[in-house]
Amino acid sequence: MALERSPDVVYEVVDGGAILVDSEGVELITLNPVGTIVWEELDGARDAAGLAADLIGRFEGVTLAQLESDVAEFLAEISAAGLVRQR
C-alpha cells in the first residue's frame, strides 16, 4: 500500500527533524532525522518496501530487511495518527 503525506498536515524541518501538525492543530509530532527522511519521501508512489529499497544507500549498518520493518512500523504509526493517506 503506497502512502503519501496528507495535504492537511503542516510540517517544517528544523535542525534535521520535522515537526508535524495535523489539520485540526491538535496532534503535534516531532520526527527524528530518519523519520524526517522517510516523511519527505512519501510521494504516494511506493510502499514500505519500495521506500526502504530507495533509501538503503543513505544508511550504514542496517540491512534492507531491518529498514523495511522500521519503515513499515513508522508508516503504521503515522497512518494511525491520520498524517498520511493511501494513494
PDB file of N, CA and C in Angstrom:
ATOM      1  N   MET A   1       0.837  -1.168   0.000  1.00  0.00           N
ATOM      2  CA  MET A   1       0.000   0.000   0.000  1.00  0.00           C
ATOM      3  C   MET A   1       0.891   1.244   0.000  1.00  0.00           C
ATOM      4  N   ALA A   2       0.793   2.021  -1.034  1.00  0.00           N
ATOM      5  CA  ALA A   2       1.575   3.257  -1.155  1.00  0.00           C
ATOM      6  C   ALA A   2       0.880   4.373  -0.380  1.00  0.00           C
ATOM      7  N   LEU A   3       1.670   5.127   0.370  1.00  0.00           N
ATOM      8  CA  LEU A   3       1.140   6.226   1.163  1.00  0.00           C
ATOM      9  C   LEU A   3       1.767   7.541   0.733  1.00  0.00           C
ATOM     10  N   GLU A   4       1.023   8.613   0.959  1.00  0.00           N
ATOM     11  CA  GLU A   4       1.540   9.952   0.722  1.00  0.00           C
ATOM     12  C   GLU A   4       1.185  10.831   1.911  1.00  0.00           C
ATOM     13  N   ARG A   5       1.927  11.917   2.056  1.00  0.00           N
ATOM     14  CA  ARG A   5       1.629  12.867   3.134  1.00  0.00           C
ATOM     15  C   ARG A   5       0.225  13.431   2.920  1.00  0.00           C
ATOM     16  N   SER A   6      -0.509  13.569   4.005  1.00  0.00           N
ATOM     17  CA  SER A   6      -1.822  14.192   3.915  1.00  0.00           C
ATOM     18  C   SER A   6      -1.632  15.674   3.595  1.00  0.00           C
ATOM     19  N   PRO A   7      -2.388  16.205   2.646  1.00  0.00           N
ATOM     20  CA  PRO A   7      -2.251  17.626   2.315  1.00  0.00           C
ATOM     21  C   PRO A   7      -2.698  18.541   3.459  1.00  0.00           C
ATOM     22  N   ASP A   8      -3.392  17.973   4.449  1.00  0.00           N
ATOM     23  CA  ASP A   8      -3.874  18.759   5.583  1.00  0.00           C
ATOM     24  C   ASP A   8      -2.835  18.900   6.690  1.00  0.00           C
ATOM     25  N   VAL A   9      -1.726  18.185   6.562  1.00  0.00           N
ATOM     26  CA  VAL A   9      -0.685  18.228   7.585  1.00  0.00           C
ATOM     27  C   VAL A   9       0.316  19.331   7.240  1.00  0.00           C
ATOM     28  N   VAL A  10       0.580  20.156   8.213  1.00  0.00           N
ATOM     29  CA  VAL A  10       1.581  21.206   8.061  1.00  0.00           C
ATOM     30  C   VAL A  10       2.861  20.686   8.697  1.00  0.00           C
ATOM     31  N   TYR A  11       4.000  20.889   8.008  1.00  0.00           N
ATOM     32  CA  TYR A  11       5.243  20.455   8.625  1.00  0.00           C
ATOM     33  C   TYR A  11       6.366  21.417   8.288  1.00  0.00           C
ATOM     34  N   GLU A  12       7.339  21.410   9.164  1.00  0.00           N
ATOM     35  CA  GLU A  12       8.535  22.218   8.967  1.00  0.00           C
ATOM     36  C   GLU A  12       9.719  21.421   9.484  1.00  0.00           C
ATOM     37  N   VAL A  13      10.824  21.508   8.773  1.00  0.00           N
ATOM     38  CA  VAL A  13      12.042  20.824   9.192  1.00  0.00           C
ATOM     39  C   VAL A  13      12.924  21.825   9.922  1.00  0.00           C
ATOM     40  N   VAL A  14      13.294  21.468  11.146  1.00  0.00           N
ATOM     41  CA  VAL A  14      14.135  22.317  11.978  1.00  0.00           C
ATOM     42  C   VAL A  14      15.291  21.458  12.494  1.00  0.00           C
ATOM     43  N   ASP A  15      16.506  21.860  12.203  1.00  0.00           N
ATOM     44  CA  ASP A  15      17.694  21.130  12.657  1.00  0.00           C
ATOM     45  C   ASP A  15      17.652  19.649  12.290  1.00  0.00           C
ATOM     46  N   GLY A  16      17.182  19.337  11.091  1.00  0.00           N
ATOM     47  CA  GLY A  16      17.170  17.963  10.600  1.00  0.00           C
ATOM     48  C   GLY A  16      15.986  17.127  11.032  1.00  0.00           C
ATOM     49  N   GLY A  17      15.118  17.659  11.880  1.00  0.00           N
ATOM     50  CA  GLY A  17      13.931  16.931  12.314  1.00  0.00           C
ATOM     51  C   GLY A  17      12.676  17.680  11.913  1.00  0.00           C
ATOM     52  N   ALA A  18      11.658  16.931  11.515  1.00  0.00           N
ATOM     53  CA  ALA A  18      10.407  17.556  11.094  1.00  0.00           C
ATOM     54  C   ALA A  18       9.443  17.665  12.268  1.00  0.00           C
ATOM     55  N   ILE A  19       8.690  18.747  12.277  1.00  0.00           N
ATOM     56  CA  ILE A  19       7.609  18.942  13.232  1.00  0.00           C
ATOM     57  C   ILE A  19       6.321  18.926  12.415  1.00  0.00           C
ATOM     58  N   LEU A  20       5.432  17.996  12.746  1.00  0.00           N
ATOM     59  CA  LEU A  20       4.184  17.819  12.019  1.00  0.00           C
ATOM     60  C   LEU A  20       3.019  18.286  12.875  1.00  0.00           C
ATOM     61  N   VAL A  21       2.075  18.971  12.250  1.00  0.00           N
ATOM     62  CA  VAL A  21       0.855  19.402  12.928  1.00  0.00           C
ATOM     63  C   VAL A  21      -0.319  18.971  12.062  1.00  0.00           C
ATOM     64  N   ASP A  22      -1.267  18.255  12.666  1.00  0.00           N
ATOM     65  CA  ASP A  22      -2.422  17.805  11.895  1.00  0.00           C
ATOM     66  C   ASP A  22      -3.329  18.979  11.525  1.00  0.00           C
ATOM     67  N   SER A  23      -4.319  18.695  10.694  1.00  0.00           N
ATOM     68  CA  SER A  23      -5.180  19.752  10.149  1.00  0.00           C
ATOM     69  C   SER A  23      -5.970  20.488  11.225  1.00  0.00           C
ATOM     70  N   GLU A  24      -6.244  19.841  12.355  1.00  0.00           N
ATOM     71  CA  GLU A  24      -7.014  20.480  13.416  1.00  0.00           C
ATOM     72  C   GLU A  24      -6.120  21.190  14.418  1.00  0.00           C
ATOM     73  N   GLY A  25      -4.818  21.069  14.232  1.00  0.00           N
ATOM     74  CA  GLY A  25      -3.884  21.698  15.157  1.00  0.00           C
ATOM     75  C   GLY A  25      -3.840  21.021  16.512  1.00  0.00           C
ATOM     76  N   VAL A  26      -4.283  19.774  16.569  1.00  0.00           N
ATOM     77  CA  VAL A  26      -4.354  19.039  17.830  1.00  0.00           C
ATOM     78  C   VAL A  26      -3.131  18.144  18.010  1.00  0.00           C
ATOM     79  N   GLU A  27      -2.771  17.436  16.967  1.00  0.00           N
ATOM     80  CA  GLU A  27      -1.682  16.461  17.021  1.00  0.00           C
ATOM     81  C   GLU A  27      -0.381  17.126  16.590  1.00  0.00           C
ATOM     82  N   LEU A  28       0.618  17.066  17.451  1.00  0.00           N
ATOM     83  CA  LEU A  28       1.948  17.607  17.162  1.00  0.00           C
ATOM     84  C   LEU A  28       2.948  16.471  17.324  1.00  0.00           C
ATOM     85  N   ILE A  29       3.667  16.166  16.277  1.00  0.00           N
ATOM     86  CA  ILE A  29       4.632  15.077  16.300  1.00  0.00           C
ATOM     87  C   ILE A  29       5.976  15.612  15.833  1.00  0.00           C
ATOM     88  N   THR A  30       7.010  15.262  16.564  1.00  0.00           N
ATOM     89  CA  THR A  30       8.368  15.633  16.179  1.00  0.00           C
ATOM     90  C   THR A  30       9.072  14.378  15.691  1.00  0.00           C
ATOM     91  N   LEU A  31       9.615  14.444  14.496  1.00  0.00           N
ATOM     92  CA  LEU A  31      10.309  13.300  13.911  1.00  0.00           C
ATOM     93  C   LEU A  31      11.816  13.447  14.073  1.00  0.00           C
ATOM     94  N   ASN A  32      12.480  12.325  14.273  1.00  0.00           N
ATOM     95  CA  ASN A  32      13.935  12.338  14.282  1.00  0.00           C
ATOM     96  C   ASN A  32      14.426  12.451  12.833  1.00  0.00           C
ATOM     97  N   PRO A  33      15.722  12.610  12.615  1.00  0.00           N
ATOM     98  CA  PRO A  33      16.217  12.775  11.239  1.00  0.00           C
ATOM     99  C   PRO A  33      15.847  11.633  10.293  1.00  0.00           C
ATOM    100  N   VAL A  34      15.852  10.397  10.774  1.00  0.00           N
ATOM    101  CA  VAL A  34      15.493   9.263   9.909  1.00  0.00           C
ATOM    102  C   VAL A  34      14.010   9.326   9.551  1.00  0.00           C
ATOM    103  N   GLY A  35      13.158   9.585  10.530  1.00  0.00           N
ATOM    104  CA  GLY A  35      11.733   9.728  10.257  1.00  0.00           C
ATOM    105  C   GLY A  35      11.455  10.867   9.294  1.00  0.00           C
ATOM    106  N   THR A  36      12.240  11.928   9.422  1.00  0.00           N
ATOM    107  CA  THR A  36      12.092  13.075   8.526  1.00  0.00           C
ATOM    108  C   THR A  36      12.438  12.698   7.089  1.00  0.00           C
ATOM    109  N   ILE A  37      13.478  11.910   6.913  1.00  0.00           N
ATOM    110  CA  ILE A  37      13.845  11.461   5.561  1.00  0.00           C
ATOM    111  C   ILE A  37      12.705  10.654   4.956  1.00  0.00           C
ATOM    112  N   VAL A  38      12.155   9.721   5.724  1.00  0.00           N
ATOM    113  CA  VAL A  38      11.045   8.908   5.224  1.00  0.00           C
ATOM    114  C   VAL A  38       9.838   9.800   4.931  1.00  0.00           C
ATOM    115  N   TRP A  39       9.520  10.706   5.844  1.00  0.00           N
ATOM    116  CA  TRP A  39       8.389  11.622   5.660  1.00  0.00           C
ATOM    117  C   TRP A  39       8.521  12.390   4.343  1.00  0.00           C
ATOM    118  N   GLU A  40       9.687  12.923   4.090  1.00  0.00           N
ATOM    119  CA  GLU A  40       9.885  13.726   2.882  1.00  0.00           C
ATOM    120  C   GLU A  40       9.837  12.891   1.608  1.00  0.00           C
ATOM    121  N   GLU A  41      10.046  11.584   1.725  1.00  0.00           N
ATOM    122  CA  GLU A  41       9.990  10.694   0.562  1.00  0.00           C
ATOM    123  C   GLU A  41       8.590  10.155   0.282  1.00  0.00           C
ATOM    124  N   LEU A  42       7.642  10.431   1.156  1.00  0.00           N
ATOM    125  CA  LEU A  42       6.279   9.916   0.972  1.00  0.00           C
ATOM    126  C   LEU A  42       5.594  10.645  -0.182  1.00  0.00           C
ATOM    127  N   ASP A  43       5.636  10.017  -1.334  1.00  0.00           N
ATOM    128  CA  ASP A  43       5.100  10.644  -2.538  1.00  0.00           C
ATOM    129  C   ASP A  43       3.899   9.901  -3.110  1.00  0.00           C
ATOM    130  N   GLY A  44       3.479   8.836  -2.435  1.00  0.00           N
ATOM    131  CA  GLY A  44       2.337   8.075  -2.909  1.00  0.00           C
ATOM    132  C   GLY A  44       2.666   7.049  -3.966  1.00  0.00           C
ATOM    133  N   ALA A  45       3.934   6.939  -4.324  1.00  0.00           N
ATOM    134  CA  ALA A  45       4.326   6.016  -5.389  1.00  0.00           C
ATOM    135  C   ALA A  45       4.899   4.710  -4.859  1.00  0.00           C
ATOM    136  N   ARG A  46       5.265   4.670  -3.566  1.00  0.00           N
ATOM    137  CA  ARG A  46       5.946   3.492  -3.035  1.00  0.00           C
ATOM    138  C   ARG A  46       5.345   3.058  -1.703  1.00  0.00           C
ATOM    139  N   ASP A  47       5.452   1.756  -1.467  1.00  0.00           N
ATOM    140  CA  ASP A  47       5.083   1.218  -0.164  1.00  0.00           C
ATOM    141  C   ASP A  47       6.335   1.168   0.701  1.00  0.00           C
ATOM    142  N   ALA A  48       6.232   0.550   1.877  1.00  0.00           N
ATOM    143  CA  ALA A  48       7.369   0.498   2.806  1.00  0.00           C
ATOM    144  C   ALA A  48       8.579  -0.177   2.168  1.00  0.00           C
ATOM    145  N   ALA A  49       8.358  -1.268   1.452  1.00  0.00           N
ATOM    146  CA  ALA A  49       9.472  -1.986   0.826  1.00  0.00           C
ATOM    147  C   ALA A  49      10.133  -1.124  -0.248  1.00  0.00           C
ATOM    148  N   GLY A  50       9.341  -0.425  -1.026  1.00  0.00           N
ATOM    149  CA  GLY A  50       9.888   0.445  -2.062  1.00  0.00           C
ATOM    150  C   GLY A  50      10.659   1.616  -1.489  1.00  0.00           C
ATOM    151  N   LEU A  51      10.135   2.205  -0.422  1.00  0.00           N
ATOM    152  CA  LEU A  51      10.837   3.303   0.247  1.00  0.00           C
ATOM    153  C   LEU A  51      12.163   2.808   0.810  1.00  0.00           C
ATOM    154  N   ALA A  52      12.131   1.657   1.484  1.00  0.00           N
ATOM    155  CA  ALA A  52      13.355   1.105   2.072  1.00  0.00           C
ATOM    156  C   ALA A  52      14.393   0.821   0.994  1.00  0.00           C
ATOM    157  N   ALA A  53      13.973   0.247  -0.110  1.00  0.00           N
ATOM    158  CA  ALA A  53      14.904  -0.058  -1.196  1.00  0.00           C
ATOM    159  C   ALA A  53      15.548   1.206  -1.753  1.00  0.00           C
ATOM    160  N   ASP A  54      14.775   2.266  -1.846  1.00  0.00           N
ATOM    161  CA  ASP A  54      15.303   3.526  -2.362  1.00  0.00           C
ATOM    162  C   ASP A  54      16.189   4.249  -1.351  1.00  0.00           C
ATOM    163  N   LEU A  55      15.978   3.986  -0.071  1.00  0.00           N
ATOM    164  CA  LEU A  55      16.706   4.707   0.976  1.00  0.00           C
ATOM    165  C   LEU A  55      17.889   3.947   1.565  1.00  0.00           C
ATOM    166  N   ILE A  56      18.018   2.656   1.302  1.00  0.00           N
ATOM    167  CA  ILE A  56      19.031   1.841   1.965  1.00  0.00           C
ATOM    168  C   ILE A  56      20.443   2.398   1.799  1.00  0.00           C
ATOM    169  N   GLY A  57      20.744   3.005   0.688  1.00  0.00           N
ATOM    170  CA  GLY A  57      22.071   3.561   0.450  1.00  0.00           C
ATOM    171  C   GLY A  57      22.401   4.765   1.314  1.00  0.00           C
ATOM    172  N   ARG A  58      21.410   5.327   1.969  1.00  0.00           N
ATOM    173  CA  ARG A  58      21.621   6.518   2.802  1.00  0.00           C
ATOM    174  C   ARG A  58      21.955   6.184   4.246  1.00  0.00           C
ATOM    175  N   PHE A  59      21.894   4.884   4.581  1.00  0.00           N
ATOM    176  CA  PHE A  59      22.120   4.462   5.959  1.00  0.00           C
ATOM    177  C   PHE A  59      23.199   3.388   6.017  1.00  0.00           C
ATOM    178  N   GLU A  60      24.050   3.494   7.003  1.00  0.00           N
ATOM    179  CA  GLU A  60      25.090   2.492   7.213  1.00  0.00           C
ATOM    180  C   GLU A  60      24.700   1.586   8.366  1.00  0.00           C
ATOM    181  N   GLY A  61      25.108   0.335   8.275  1.00  0.00           N
ATOM    182  CA  GLY A  61      24.917  -0.587   9.384  1.00  0.00           C
ATOM    183  C   GLY A  61      23.510  -1.108   9.564  1.00  0.00           C
ATOM    184  N   VAL A  62      22.691  -1.003   8.550  1.00  0.00           N
ATOM    185  CA  VAL A  62      21.327  -1.528   8.633  1.00  0.00           C
ATOM    186  C   VAL A  62      21.072  -2.387   7.402  1.00  0.00           C
ATOM    187  N   THR A  63      20.383  -3.498   7.605  1.00  0.00           N
ATOM    188  CA  THR A  63      20.041  -4.367   6.480  1.00  0.00           C
ATOM    189  C   THR A  63      18.763  -3.872   5.826  1.00  0.00           C
ATOM    190  N   LEU A  64      18.563  -4.292   4.608  1.00  0.00           N
ATOM    191  CA  LEU A  64      17.342  -3.914   3.899  1.00  0.00           C
ATOM    192  C   LEU A  64      16.114  -4.438   4.650  1.00  0.00           C
ATOM    193  N   ALA A  65      16.187  -5.663   5.156  1.00  0.00           N
ATOM    194  CA  ALA A  65      15.052  -6.236   5.888  1.00  0.00           C
ATOM    195  C   ALA A  65      14.723  -5.409   7.134  1.00  0.00           C
ATOM    196  N   GLN A  66      15.748  -4.980   7.859  1.00  0.00           N
ATOM    197  CA  GLN A  66      15.515  -4.173   9.059  1.00  0.00           C
ATOM    198  C   GLN A  66      14.925  -2.818   8.697  1.00  0.00           C
ATOM    199  N   LEU A  67      15.454  -2.198   7.626  1.00  0.00           N
ATOM    200  CA  LEU A  67      14.927  -0.902   7.206  1.00  0.00           C
ATOM    201  C   LEU A  67      13.479  -1.024   6.754  1.00  0.00           C
ATOM    202  N   GLU A  68      13.154  -2.089   6.013  1.00  0.00           N
ATOM    203  CA  GLU A  68      11.768  -2.313   5.593  1.00  0.00           C
ATOM    204  C   GLU A  68      10.857  -2.416   6.809  1.00  0.00           C
ATOM    205  N   SER A  69      11.278  -3.161   7.807  1.00  0.00           N
ATOM    206  CA  SER A  69      10.491  -3.331   9.020  1.00  0.00           C
ATOM    207  C   SER A  69      10.305  -2.001   9.747  1.00  0.00           C
ATOM    208  N   ASP A  70      11.392  -1.246   9.881  1.00  0.00           N
ATOM    209  CA  ASP A  70      11.326   0.046  10.568  1.00  0.00           C
ATOM    210  C   ASP A  70      10.430   1.035   9.821  1.00  0.00           C
ATOM    211  N   VAL A  71      10.558   1.067   8.499  1.00  0.00           N
ATOM    212  CA  VAL A  71       9.733   1.982   7.696  1.00  0.00           C
ATOM    213  C   VAL A  71       8.265   1.579   7.798  1.00  0.00           C
ATOM    214  N   ALA A  72       7.972   0.287   7.729  1.00  0.00           N
ATOM    215  CA  ALA A  72       6.587  -0.180   7.832  1.00  0.00           C
ATOM    216  C   ALA A  72       5.989   0.192   9.183  1.00  0.00           C
ATOM    217  N   GLU A  73       6.771   0.040  10.254  1.00  0.00           N
ATOM    218  CA  GLU A  73       6.296   0.394  11.593  1.00  0.00           C
ATOM    219  C   GLU A  73       6.035   1.901  11.694  1.00  0.00           C
ATOM    220  N   PHE A  74       6.947   2.697  11.163  1.00  0.00           N
ATOM    221  CA  PHE A  74       6.782   4.149  11.165  1.00  0.00           C
ATOM    222  C   PHE A  74       5.534   4.554  10.387  1.00  0.00           C
ATOM    223  N   LEU A  75       5.346   3.967   9.207  1.00  0.00           N
ATOM    224  CA  LEU A  75       4.171   4.298   8.394  1.00  0.00           C
ATOM    225  C   LEU A  75       2.875   3.912   9.101  1.00  0.00           C
ATOM    226  N   ALA A  76       2.883   2.794   9.807  1.00  0.00           N
ATOM    227  CA  ALA A  76       1.696   2.381  10.548  1.00  0.00           C
ATOM    228  C   ALA A  76       1.369   3.401  11.648  1.00  0.00           C
ATOM    229  N   GLU A  77       2.395   3.886  12.327  1.00  0.00           N
ATOM    230  CA  GLU A  77       2.188   4.861  13.402  1.00  0.00           C
ATOM    231  C   GLU A  77       1.626   6.180  12.873  1.00  0.00           C
ATOM    232  N   ILE A  78       2.223   6.703  11.804  1.00  0.00           N
ATOM    233  CA  ILE A  78       1.736   7.991  11.306  1.00  0.00           C
ATOM    234  C   ILE A  78       0.404   7.845  10.562  1.00  0.00           C
ATOM    235  N   SER A  79       0.149   6.648  10.042  1.00  0.00           N
ATOM    236  CA  SER A  79      -1.147   6.389   9.420  1.00  0.00           C
ATOM    237  C   SER A  79      -2.234   6.378  10.487  1.00  0.00           C
ATOM    238  N   ALA A  80      -1.971   5.742  11.613  1.00  0.00           N
ATOM    239  CA  ALA A  80      -2.934   5.701  12.717  1.00  0.00           C
ATOM    240  C   ALA A  80      -3.233   7.101  13.250  1.00  0.00           C
ATOM    241  N   ALA A  81      -2.247   7.991  13.145  1.00  0.00           N
ATOM    242  CA  ALA A  81      -2.433   9.368  13.602  1.00  0.00           C
ATOM    243  C   ALA A  81      -3.123  10.226  12.540  1.00  0.00           C
ATOM    244  N   GLY A  82      -3.417   9.650  11.377  1.00  0.00           N
ATOM    245  CA  GLY A  82      -4.094  10.387  10.317  1.00  0.00           C
ATOM    246  C   GLY A  82      -3.216  11.380   9.571  1.00  0.00           C
ATOM    247  N   LEU A  83      -1.904  11.146   9.589  1.00  0.00           N
ATOM    248  CA  LEU A  83      -0.973  12.089   8.973  1.00  0.00           C
ATOM    249  C   LEU A  83      -0.636  11.736   7.515  1.00  0.00           C
ATOM    250  N   VAL A  84      -1.035  10.553   7.094  1.00  0.00           N
ATOM    251  CA  VAL A  84      -0.799  10.129   5.710  1.00  0.00           C
ATOM    252  C   VAL A  84      -2.088   9.555   5.161  1.00  0.00           C
ATOM    253  N   ARG A  85      -2.123   9.409   3.862  1.00  0.00           N
ATOM    254  CA  ARG A  85      -3.298   8.789   3.232  1.00  0.00           C
ATOM    255  C   ARG A  85      -2.825   7.805   2.175  1.00  0.00           C
ATOM    256  N   GLN A  86      -3.687   6.835   1.915  1.00  0.00           N
ATOM    257  CA  GLN A  86      -3.373   5.822   0.912  1.00  0.00           C
ATOM    258  C   GLN A  86      -3.584   6.417  -0.462  1.00  0.00           C
ATOM    259  N   ARG A  87      -2.718   6.061  -1.352  1.00  0.00           N
ATOM    260  CA  ARG A  87      -2.839   6.565  -2.719  1.00  0.00           C
ATOM    261  C   ARG A  87      -3.306   5.476  -3.626  1.00  0.00           C
TER     262      ARG A  87
END
